[in-house]
Structures are given as structure tokens and as C-alpha cells.
Protein backbone atom coordinates (compact mmCIF):
# COMPACT_ATOMS: atom_id res chain seq x y z
CA MET A 1 -6.20 20.71 -26.37
CA ASP A 2 -4.59 17.85 -28.27
CA PHE A 3 -2.70 15.10 -26.51
CA ASP A 4 -3.03 12.24 -28.92
CA TYR A 5 0.09 10.09 -29.33
CA SER A 6 2.41 10.92 -32.21
CA ALA A 7 3.37 8.32 -34.80
CA LYS A 8 6.85 8.22 -33.26
CA SER A 9 5.46 7.50 -29.82
CA VAL A 10 3.08 4.85 -31.13
CA GLU A 11 5.93 3.04 -32.89
CA LEU A 12 8.08 3.13 -29.77
CA GLN A 13 5.15 1.82 -27.73
CA LYS A 14 4.97 -1.18 -30.06
CA GLN A 15 8.71 -1.80 -29.84
CA LEU A 16 8.76 -1.41 -26.08
CA SER A 17 5.74 -3.68 -25.56
CA ALA A 18 7.37 -6.34 -27.74
CA PHE A 19 10.61 -6.06 -25.74
CA MET A 20 8.70 -6.40 -22.48
CA ALA A 21 6.88 -9.47 -23.78
CA GLU A 22 10.07 -11.13 -25.02
CA HIS A 23 12.57 -10.19 -22.33
CA ILE A 24 11.00 -8.67 -19.20
CA TYR A 25 7.87 -10.62 -18.27
CA PRO A 26 9.54 -14.04 -18.82
CA ASN A 27 12.40 -12.95 -16.53
CA GLU A 28 10.31 -11.30 -13.82
CA GLN A 29 10.79 -14.12 -11.30
CA ALA A 30 14.31 -14.89 -12.48
CA TYR A 31 15.42 -11.37 -11.54
CA VAL A 32 13.93 -11.69 -8.06
CA ASP A 33 15.56 -15.10 -7.62
CA GLU A 34 18.97 -13.82 -8.71
CA ILE A 35 18.90 -10.89 -6.28
CA GLY A 36 17.98 -13.27 -3.49
CA SER A 37 20.68 -15.82 -4.21
CA GLY A 38 23.92 -13.84 -3.85
CA ASP A 39 25.32 -10.52 -2.71
CA ARG A 40 22.14 -8.44 -2.86
CA TRP A 41 24.02 -5.18 -3.35
CA GLN A 42 26.04 -6.23 -6.39
CA PRO A 43 24.77 -5.60 -9.93
CA SER A 44 22.44 -8.22 -11.36
CA LYS A 45 23.97 -10.13 -14.27
CA LEU A 46 20.51 -10.52 -15.76
CA MET A 47 19.90 -6.79 -15.50
CA GLU A 48 23.15 -6.00 -17.29
CA GLU A 49 22.29 -8.49 -20.06
CA LEU A 50 18.85 -6.94 -20.50
CA LYS A 51 20.31 -3.43 -20.55
CA ALA A 52 22.66 -4.42 -23.35
CA LYS A 53 19.69 -5.76 -25.32
CA ALA A 54 17.69 -2.58 -24.74
CA LYS A 55 20.59 -0.39 -25.81
CA SER A 56 21.06 -2.44 -28.99
CA ALA A 57 17.34 -2.10 -29.72
CA GLY A 58 17.52 1.69 -29.43
CA LEU A 59 15.28 1.68 -26.35
CA TRP A 60 17.72 3.67 -24.24
CA ASN A 61 17.55 7.05 -22.43
CA LEU A 62 14.05 7.62 -23.79
CA PHE A 63 13.24 9.93 -20.87
CA LEU A 64 15.67 12.70 -21.87
CA SER A 65 14.18 14.83 -24.62
CA ASP A 66 17.44 16.20 -25.97
CA VAL A 67 18.72 12.63 -26.42
CA SER A 68 15.56 10.81 -27.53
CA GLY A 69 13.79 13.69 -29.22
CA LEU A 70 10.61 12.80 -27.31
CA THR A 71 8.35 15.32 -25.64
CA ASN A 72 6.86 14.68 -22.20
CA LEU A 73 3.62 13.68 -23.90
CA GLU A 74 5.39 11.25 -26.24
CA TYR A 75 7.37 9.68 -23.41
CA ALA A 76 4.45 9.33 -20.98
CA PRO A 77 2.95 6.12 -22.46
CA LEU A 78 6.42 4.58 -22.64
CA ALA A 79 6.87 5.16 -18.91
CA GLU A 80 3.50 3.46 -18.37
CA ILE A 81 4.65 0.37 -20.27
CA MET A 82 7.92 0.19 -18.32
CA GLY A 83 6.03 0.66 -15.07
CA ARG A 84 4.18 -2.63 -15.46
CA VAL A 85 7.22 -4.31 -13.86
CA THR A 86 8.69 -2.33 -10.98
CA TRP A 87 12.33 -2.85 -11.96
CA ALA A 88 11.93 -2.66 -15.74
CA SER A 89 12.66 1.04 -16.20
CA GLU A 90 16.30 0.46 -15.21
CA VAL A 91 16.66 -1.87 -18.19
CA PHE A 92 16.11 1.14 -20.45
CA ASN A 93 18.23 3.53 -18.33
CA CYS A 94 15.01 5.33 -17.41
CA SER A 95 14.83 4.72 -13.66
CA ALA A 96 14.86 7.07 -10.70
CA PRO A 97 16.87 8.57 -9.16
CA ASP A 98 19.27 8.50 -12.10
CA THR A 99 16.77 10.11 -14.46
CA GLY A 100 16.32 13.12 -12.17
CA ASN A 101 20.05 13.40 -11.58
CA MET A 102 20.76 13.21 -15.29
CA GLU A 103 18.14 15.94 -15.86
CA VAL A 104 19.97 18.10 -13.31
CA LEU A 105 23.36 17.56 -14.89
CA HIS A 106 21.98 18.08 -18.37
CA LEU A 107 20.21 21.32 -17.45
CA TYR A 108 22.62 22.82 -14.94
CA GLY A 109 25.97 21.03 -15.20
CA THR A 110 29.13 22.60 -16.53
CA PRO A 111 30.84 20.97 -19.51
CA GLU A 112 33.34 19.40 -17.11
CA GLN A 113 30.60 18.08 -14.82
CA LYS A 114 28.75 16.62 -17.78
CA LEU A 115 31.84 14.88 -19.09
CA LYS A 116 32.76 13.40 -15.71
CA TRP A 117 29.29 12.39 -14.48
CA LEU A 118 26.53 12.77 -17.07
CA ARG A 119 28.28 10.80 -19.80
CA PRO A 120 28.81 7.61 -17.72
CA LEU A 121 25.26 7.89 -16.35
CA LEU A 122 23.84 8.15 -19.86
CA ASP A 123 25.94 5.16 -20.87
CA GLY A 124 24.67 3.16 -17.90
CA GLU A 125 28.20 2.63 -16.59
CA ILE A 126 27.47 4.05 -13.11
CA ARG A 127 24.49 4.90 -10.89
CA SER A 128 23.80 7.80 -8.53
CA CYS A 129 21.71 8.93 -5.56
CA PHE A 130 20.07 12.15 -4.38
CA SER A 131 20.71 13.28 -0.81
CA MET A 132 18.18 15.82 0.39
CA THR A 133 15.88 14.25 3.03
CA GLU A 134 17.11 14.33 6.63
CA PRO A 135 16.05 12.16 9.59
CA ASP A 136 15.83 14.92 12.21
CA VAL A 137 13.58 17.43 10.42
CA ALA A 138 10.34 17.40 8.41
CA SER A 139 11.88 17.31 4.96
CA SER A 140 8.51 17.80 3.25
CA ASP A 141 9.49 21.43 3.87
CA ALA A 142 12.94 21.47 2.34
CA THR A 143 13.74 24.82 3.96
CA ASN A 144 14.10 22.77 7.17
CA ILE A 145 17.23 20.97 6.04
CA GLN A 146 20.15 21.40 8.40
CA ALA A 147 23.07 20.01 6.39
CA SER A 148 25.77 22.57 5.76
CA ILE A 149 27.93 23.46 2.77
CA VAL A 150 30.70 25.79 3.99
CA LYS A 151 33.24 27.39 1.69
CA ASP A 152 36.87 26.82 2.65
CA GLY A 153 39.35 28.28 0.18
CA ASN A 154 38.96 26.43 -3.11
CA ASP A 155 36.77 23.75 -1.51
CA TYR A 156 33.46 23.28 0.23
CA ILE A 157 33.14 21.28 3.44
CA LEU A 158 29.91 19.32 3.89
CA ASN A 159 28.34 18.08 7.10
CA GLY A 160 24.96 16.46 7.67
CA ASP A 161 22.95 13.27 7.95
CA LYS A 162 20.74 12.20 5.05
CA TRP A 163 18.42 9.28 4.51
CA TRP A 164 16.16 7.85 1.83
CA SER A 165 19.01 8.39 -0.61
CA THR A 166 17.66 5.83 -3.04
CA GLY A 167 20.39 3.99 -4.89
CA GLY A 168 23.06 4.68 -2.30
CA GLY A 169 23.45 1.01 -1.44
CA ASP A 170 24.11 -0.05 -5.02
CA ALA A 171 27.72 -1.06 -5.66
CA ARG A 172 27.49 0.95 -8.91
CA CYS A 173 26.55 4.19 -7.11
CA LYS A 174 29.43 6.60 -7.65
CA LEU A 175 27.80 10.01 -7.18
CA SER A 176 25.50 11.78 -4.73
CA ILE A 177 23.83 15.10 -5.41
CA PHE A 178 23.85 16.70 -1.96
CA MET A 179 21.57 19.53 -0.85
CA GLY A 180 22.63 21.72 2.04
CA LYS A 181 22.70 25.30 3.26
CA THR A 182 25.39 27.69 2.08
CA ASP A 183 23.95 30.82 3.72
CA GLU A 184 21.51 30.67 6.65
CA THR A 185 21.08 34.47 6.56
CA ALA A 186 19.78 34.58 2.98
CA PRO A 187 16.04 34.65 2.13
CA ARG A 188 14.34 31.37 3.02
CA HIS A 189 14.46 29.79 -0.45
CA LEU A 190 17.93 31.09 -1.32
CA GLN A 191 19.84 29.48 1.53
CA GLN A 192 20.23 26.05 -0.09
CA SER A 193 22.64 24.80 -2.73
CA MET A 194 23.37 21.53 -4.48
CA ILE A 195 26.80 20.02 -4.94
CA LEU A 196 28.24 16.89 -6.57
CA VAL A 197 29.85 14.46 -4.15
CA PRO A 198 31.76 11.38 -5.33
CA MET A 199 30.71 8.49 -3.09
CA ASP A 200 34.33 7.51 -2.42
CA THR A 201 35.15 10.91 -0.90
CA PRO A 202 36.53 10.61 2.67
CA GLY A 203 33.79 11.28 5.20
CA VAL A 204 30.94 9.86 3.10
CA ILE A 205 29.67 6.98 5.22
CA VAL A 206 26.71 4.79 4.23
CA GLN A 207 25.40 3.95 7.69
CA ARG A 208 22.62 1.52 6.76
CA GLN A 209 19.93 0.61 4.27
CA VAL A 210 16.44 1.68 5.31
CA ASP A 211 13.86 -1.02 4.66
CA VAL A 212 10.44 -0.18 3.19
CA PHE A 213 7.70 -2.26 4.85
CA GLY A 214 10.38 -4.84 5.56
CA TYR A 215 11.84 -4.87 2.03
CA ASP A 216 15.42 -3.74 1.44
CA ASP A 217 14.88 -2.99 -2.28
CA ALA A 218 18.32 -4.41 -3.13
CA PRO A 219 20.43 -3.87 -5.14
CA SER A 220 19.35 -0.24 -5.14
CA GLY A 221 18.14 0.36 -1.59
CA HIS A 222 17.42 3.51 0.36
CA SER A 223 20.50 4.63 2.23
CA ALA A 224 21.09 6.57 5.41
CA ILE A 225 24.32 8.44 4.72
CA SER A 226 26.48 10.58 7.00
CA PHE A 227 28.57 13.35 5.48
CA ILE A 228 31.28 14.18 8.02
CA ASN A 229 33.69 16.99 7.08
CA VAL A 230 33.44 15.95 3.45
CA ARG A 231 35.71 18.13 1.35
CA VAL A 232 34.90 18.63 -2.33
CA PRO A 233 36.30 21.19 -4.81
CA LYS A 234 34.31 24.35 -5.47
CA GLU A 235 33.84 23.38 -9.12
CA ASN A 236 31.50 20.60 -7.92
CA LEU A 237 28.85 23.19 -6.98
CA LEU A 238 25.82 23.13 -9.28
CA LEU A 239 24.71 26.40 -10.89
CA GLY A 240 25.74 28.61 -7.95
CA GLU A 241 25.22 29.25 -4.26
CA GLY A 242 21.61 29.64 -3.16
CA ARG A 243 20.12 28.03 -6.25
CA GLY A 244 19.23 24.65 -4.77
CA PHE A 245 15.47 25.23 -4.87
CA GLU A 246 15.66 26.40 -8.47
CA ILE A 247 17.43 23.17 -9.38
CA ALA A 248 14.97 21.07 -7.37
CA GLN A 249 11.99 22.48 -9.25
CA GLY A 250 13.66 21.79 -12.59
CA ARG A 251 14.37 18.25 -11.45
CA LEU A 252 10.92 17.38 -10.14
CA GLY A 253 8.62 18.43 -12.99
CA PRO A 254 9.33 15.73 -15.58
CA GLY A 255 10.08 13.17 -12.85
CA ARG A 256 6.57 13.44 -11.47
CA VAL A 257 5.11 12.62 -14.88
CA HIS A 258 7.44 9.62 -15.09
CA HIS A 259 6.47 8.37 -11.62
CA CYS A 260 2.77 8.83 -12.27
CA MET A 261 2.79 7.04 -15.61
CA ARG A 262 4.72 4.14 -14.11
CA LEU A 263 2.04 3.95 -11.42
CA ILE A 264 -0.65 3.87 -14.10
CA GLY A 265 1.21 0.92 -15.66
CA ILE A 266 1.11 -0.84 -12.28
CA ALA A 267 -2.59 -0.06 -11.89
CA GLU A 268 -3.35 -1.41 -15.38
CA ARG A 269 -1.51 -4.62 -14.63
CA SER A 270 -3.28 -4.94 -11.27
CA LEU A 271 -6.64 -4.62 -13.02
CA GLU A 272 -5.62 -7.29 -15.53
CA LEU A 273 -4.63 -9.61 -12.69
CA MET A 274 -7.90 -8.84 -10.90
CA CYS A 275 -9.95 -9.76 -13.96
CA SER A 276 -7.95 -12.93 -14.59
CA ARG A 277 -8.33 -14.07 -10.99
CA ALA A 278 -12.05 -13.23 -10.93
CA LYS A 279 -12.65 -15.41 -13.97
CA ALA A 280 -10.54 -18.30 -12.68
CA ARG A 281 -11.92 -18.62 -9.14
CA ALA A 282 -15.37 -19.48 -7.79
CA ALA A 283 -16.87 -18.87 -4.36
CA PHE A 284 -20.31 -19.57 -2.93
CA GLY A 285 -21.45 -21.40 -6.02
CA LYS A 286 -20.44 -19.02 -8.80
CA PRO A 287 -17.32 -17.44 -10.34
CA LEU A 288 -15.94 -14.36 -8.63
CA ALA A 289 -16.49 -12.52 -11.91
CA GLU A 290 -20.24 -12.93 -11.40
CA GLN A 291 -20.20 -11.46 -7.90
CA GLY A 292 -21.71 -7.97 -7.93
CA VAL A 293 -19.10 -6.34 -5.73
CA ILE A 294 -16.25 -7.71 -7.87
CA ARG A 295 -17.86 -6.33 -11.02
CA GLN A 296 -18.21 -2.97 -9.30
CA TRP A 297 -14.51 -2.98 -8.31
CA ILE A 298 -13.52 -3.80 -11.89
CA ALA A 299 -15.69 -1.05 -13.35
CA GLU A 300 -14.58 1.56 -10.81
CA SER A 301 -10.94 0.64 -11.40
CA ARG A 302 -11.30 1.18 -15.15
CA LEU A 303 -12.91 4.57 -14.53
CA ALA A 304 -10.20 5.62 -12.08
CA ILE A 305 -7.27 4.52 -14.26
CA ASP A 306 -8.54 6.25 -17.39
CA GLN A 307 -9.32 9.46 -15.48
CA ALA A 308 -5.83 9.49 -13.95
CA ARG A 309 -4.16 8.82 -17.29
CA LEU A 310 -6.00 11.68 -18.96
CA LEU A 311 -4.98 14.03 -16.14
CA VAL A 312 -1.32 13.04 -16.49
CA LEU A 313 -1.42 13.39 -20.27
CA LYS A 314 -2.96 16.84 -19.91
CA CYS A 315 -0.14 17.73 -17.51
CA ALA A 316 2.50 16.44 -19.93
CA TRP A 317 0.87 18.34 -22.81
CA LEU A 318 0.87 21.56 -20.79
CA MET A 319 4.51 21.09 -19.83
CA ASP A 320 5.37 20.72 -23.50
CA THR A 321 3.26 23.66 -24.70
CA VAL A 322 3.44 26.28 -21.93
CA GLY A 323 6.29 25.03 -19.70
CA ASN A 324 6.73 23.41 -16.30
CA LYS A 325 6.04 26.57 -14.32
CA ALA A 326 2.71 27.19 -16.04
CA ALA A 327 1.78 23.53 -15.47
CA ARG A 328 2.58 23.60 -11.75
CA ARG A 329 -1.06 23.15 -10.72
CA GLU A 330 -1.43 20.04 -12.88
CA ILE A 331 1.93 18.70 -11.66
CA ALA A 332 0.67 18.97 -8.08
CA MET A 333 -2.65 17.41 -9.07
CA ILE A 334 -1.18 14.28 -10.62
CA LYS A 335 1.18 13.74 -7.71
CA ALA A 336 -1.75 13.79 -5.28
CA ALA A 337 -4.26 11.87 -7.42
CA VAL A 338 -2.34 9.08 -9.12
CA PRO A 339 -0.73 7.28 -6.15
CA GLN A 340 -4.08 7.26 -4.34
CA MET A 341 -5.78 5.83 -7.42
CA ALA A 342 -3.13 3.16 -7.86
CA LEU A 343 -3.32 2.12 -4.22
CA GLN A 344 -7.08 1.69 -4.44
CA VAL A 345 -6.88 -0.44 -7.60
CA ILE A 346 -4.03 -2.56 -6.21
CA ASP A 347 -5.92 -3.05 -2.95
CA ARG A 348 -8.98 -4.32 -4.82
CA ALA A 349 -6.80 -6.71 -6.79
CA ILE A 350 -5.23 -8.00 -3.58
CA GLN A 351 -8.68 -8.55 -2.11
CA VAL A 352 -9.80 -10.56 -5.13
CA HIS A 353 -6.66 -12.71 -4.85
CA GLY A 354 -7.24 -13.40 -1.17
CA GLY A 355 -4.18 -14.71 0.65
CA ALA A 356 -2.30 -15.02 -2.64
CA GLY A 357 -2.53 -11.25 -3.04
CA VAL A 358 -0.23 -10.59 -0.10
CA SER A 359 2.12 -13.46 -0.94
CA PRO A 360 5.24 -13.34 -3.12
CA ASP A 361 3.48 -15.51 -5.73
CA PHE A 362 2.00 -12.39 -7.33
CA PRO A 363 3.52 -8.91 -7.76
CA LEU A 364 0.63 -7.14 -6.02
CA ALA A 365 2.23 -6.79 -2.57
CA GLY A 366 5.29 -5.21 -4.19
CA PHE A 367 3.05 -2.96 -6.26
CA TRP A 368 1.25 -1.74 -3.13
CA ILE A 369 4.49 -0.95 -1.32
CA TYR A 370 5.82 0.92 -4.37
CA ALA A 371 2.65 3.00 -4.72
CA ARG A 372 2.39 3.72 -1.01
CA THR A 373 5.99 4.94 -0.93
CA LEU A 374 5.38 7.30 -3.84
CA ARG A 375 2.72 9.11 -1.79
CA LEU A 376 5.74 10.44 0.10
CA ALA A 377 8.66 10.30 -2.34
CA ASP A 378 8.01 13.53 -4.27
CA GLY A 379 6.43 15.25 -1.28
CA PRO A 380 3.40 14.11 0.70
CA ASP A 381 -0.14 14.50 -0.66
CA GLU A 382 -0.85 17.24 1.87
CA VAL A 383 1.84 19.51 0.40
CA HIS A 384 0.47 19.15 -3.12
CA LEU A 385 -3.14 19.59 -2.00
CA GLU A 386 -2.16 22.77 -0.16
CA SER A 387 -0.54 24.10 -3.34
CA ILE A 388 -3.61 23.26 -5.42
CA ALA A 389 -5.92 24.96 -2.93
CA LYS A 390 -3.80 28.13 -2.88
CA MET A 391 -3.88 28.35 -6.68
CA GLU A 392 -7.63 27.79 -6.75
CA LEU A 393 -8.25 30.45 -4.11
CA ARG A 394 -6.31 33.06 -6.05
CA ASN A 395 -7.77 31.79 -9.35
CA ASP A 396 -4.23 31.08 -10.60
CA ARG A 397 -4.83 29.05 -13.77
């Protein structure tokens, strides 16, 4: 087992860290202020300026191996660096859900689909959303989805209500990848298909933006979208009828590594903030850094972060060497372990900061919300733990 960083990855880590220090951290509050001062759903001018700088620096589309030449293992530490600021990955065109959607188009799109949708996504000219989760069923079991995709001559007609379509509120969002059933009589995992839906198609109605713990996450947002008799041409279907689950599994593997490494970046930054605060504040006659419980939190946080990172790197290494399917146990493991770890570290940092920890003066409250949401975003912990247990019981390694 060898998952040391390559020379290429190390050099990119240096470049990316320097870019973050020069352009991202100094603008962290400026970005928040800009979003709060105008139309929250319009593109940020600052974001577009930073994206142009990142593209010029060659720090662009690093997530996609066939573009960047990076393996999952080489990209993992870069995702960690970007993750230290929750919105930074967009600067480098490496943010969800676009990364997953670009993976789908790259792996499964026709030449025409790639030209129309993948190219502008890779260029950062448009954004996209993914419409799978539904409000009326437990979407942790995707076989429950009720949305329909019905063939009608040379078209398909779509009907269904979706929500948590992240990015759907963004004025730049031009495409939804929609998952629905094409054949309810087929075997359970062959009933679903995915299809490309331009957001300006008649019948696509963004009903509202769903807040997360009271935050609207503008300008991206999490949309509730109704698809009412939406007609799209048959050439918009991805890969073929009944292959929605196959596409979903191809989409989720690399994305889970990206999410987990971004969370490790957040946890690292939370630990740094915890240490800084502990050294700067005193209570009951001595610095917080000399309080036994604070020292224990710091030590346990370092242990937890490094353990989680090694697990994710092992997963990335396995994906590169034996493939996503063979690494499915480790993929499930990181998705269950890393968000829980990050939440615990962030919570300790909040506690050390006292009231400031839950205020907007520090990024910790936003970090906690982000990490808590990711315990659901790629499937709840319980689903992944069930998968791990099944593989252990049948000794599937």
C-alpha cells in the first residue's frame, strides 16, 4: 500500500495554498458581504474575478482526471485545501453539484451532449443541478422515487416534484439532470433513468429555495422544483432506459472522496481556530490552552483528523488501483466516518470560542451546518453503515 503524494500533487498543493493565501482568505468576508448586499441569486462579481485568476493560474477543473491528469489520490489533498473555505472550490470549477454532473456527462454523454452541456460547464460559463430527491418519499432508497419519464414519439414527458436540487436557484443554472422511472415493471434497480433537462424548458418551475438551518446558501441554494408535463427530446436521455442506478454509482464514487477531503479541510481549519482561541483567551486565572479538557479536545481532534485523512487516502488509492466497485466498502466507510469526525471537531472549536463560535464573526457555525448537511447529502450514515455491515458479514473484502 502506497499513498504518498506524487511530485505533481505536491507542486499543485503549493500553488493552491499560495492562491488561497493571496486571493481567498483575504476575501472571505468580502464574498459574504457582497452576497448579502444585492440580488442574492445573481452571480458574485468577486467570484467571477477569482475564477478568472484561477483559470489563468492553471488551477482549473483539477477534479476531472482526463482533463487534469490527476488521480483520485493526487486530487484528494487539493480538495482538502479548497475545503478550508466553504465556497472556495467553485473558484477552481471544482464544486458540487457541477463536478458530479460533469463526471456524468464525461463518462456517459454522447458527443452532442458533451458539446452542448459539458463544454460550457468545463469552461465555467454555466452551472447545473441534480434532481433526484423527492419530498414525498424516503429518497435514501432511490428505488422509492415516483417521478416519471414517459416516452411519447420522439420525446419524453417528465412529471414529478424534486427538492434539494442544489444550485437550482443560481441564475447561472441552465441544466438539471433529472432521475425518474421509465418502466415500473422492470427489476427494482432497472426502472430508473436519467435525462438532461434545460432549465428554461416549459413546465420546469422552481417553486422555492429550501433553507438549511435558516441559511439560504445563495447564490447557489437548494431548490424545490416541479416538473409538470416537461417535454424533452429523446436524445437527451443519458446512456439508455433503465440505467439510472448505473449512472448514479459512477457519479457518487469520486464525489464522496471530494466531499470528505473538503470536510477534512474544514476540520483542520477548525482545529487551528481552536488552538488560536485557546492561546488568546483566559478563564479562571489561566489561559484556556492550559485547561486540561481543552488540551484533551485538541489532542483528540488531531487524532481524529489524521485517522480520517488516512482512511480517505486509502479509499482514493484503492479507487485508482482496483476501481470504484472494488473500493465500495471504503467509499461507504469514509462517507459515514468523516462527517461525524468533522462535526465533533467543529463542535469542540465552537465550545472553545463560546458565544463567538455560533456568531457570524467566525466561520465555525457555517462549517457545522455544512458538515451536518453532508451526513445526509450522499445518503444518510445508516445506509452506509448497513452496506459496511453486509460486506463484513459475508467477508466481502
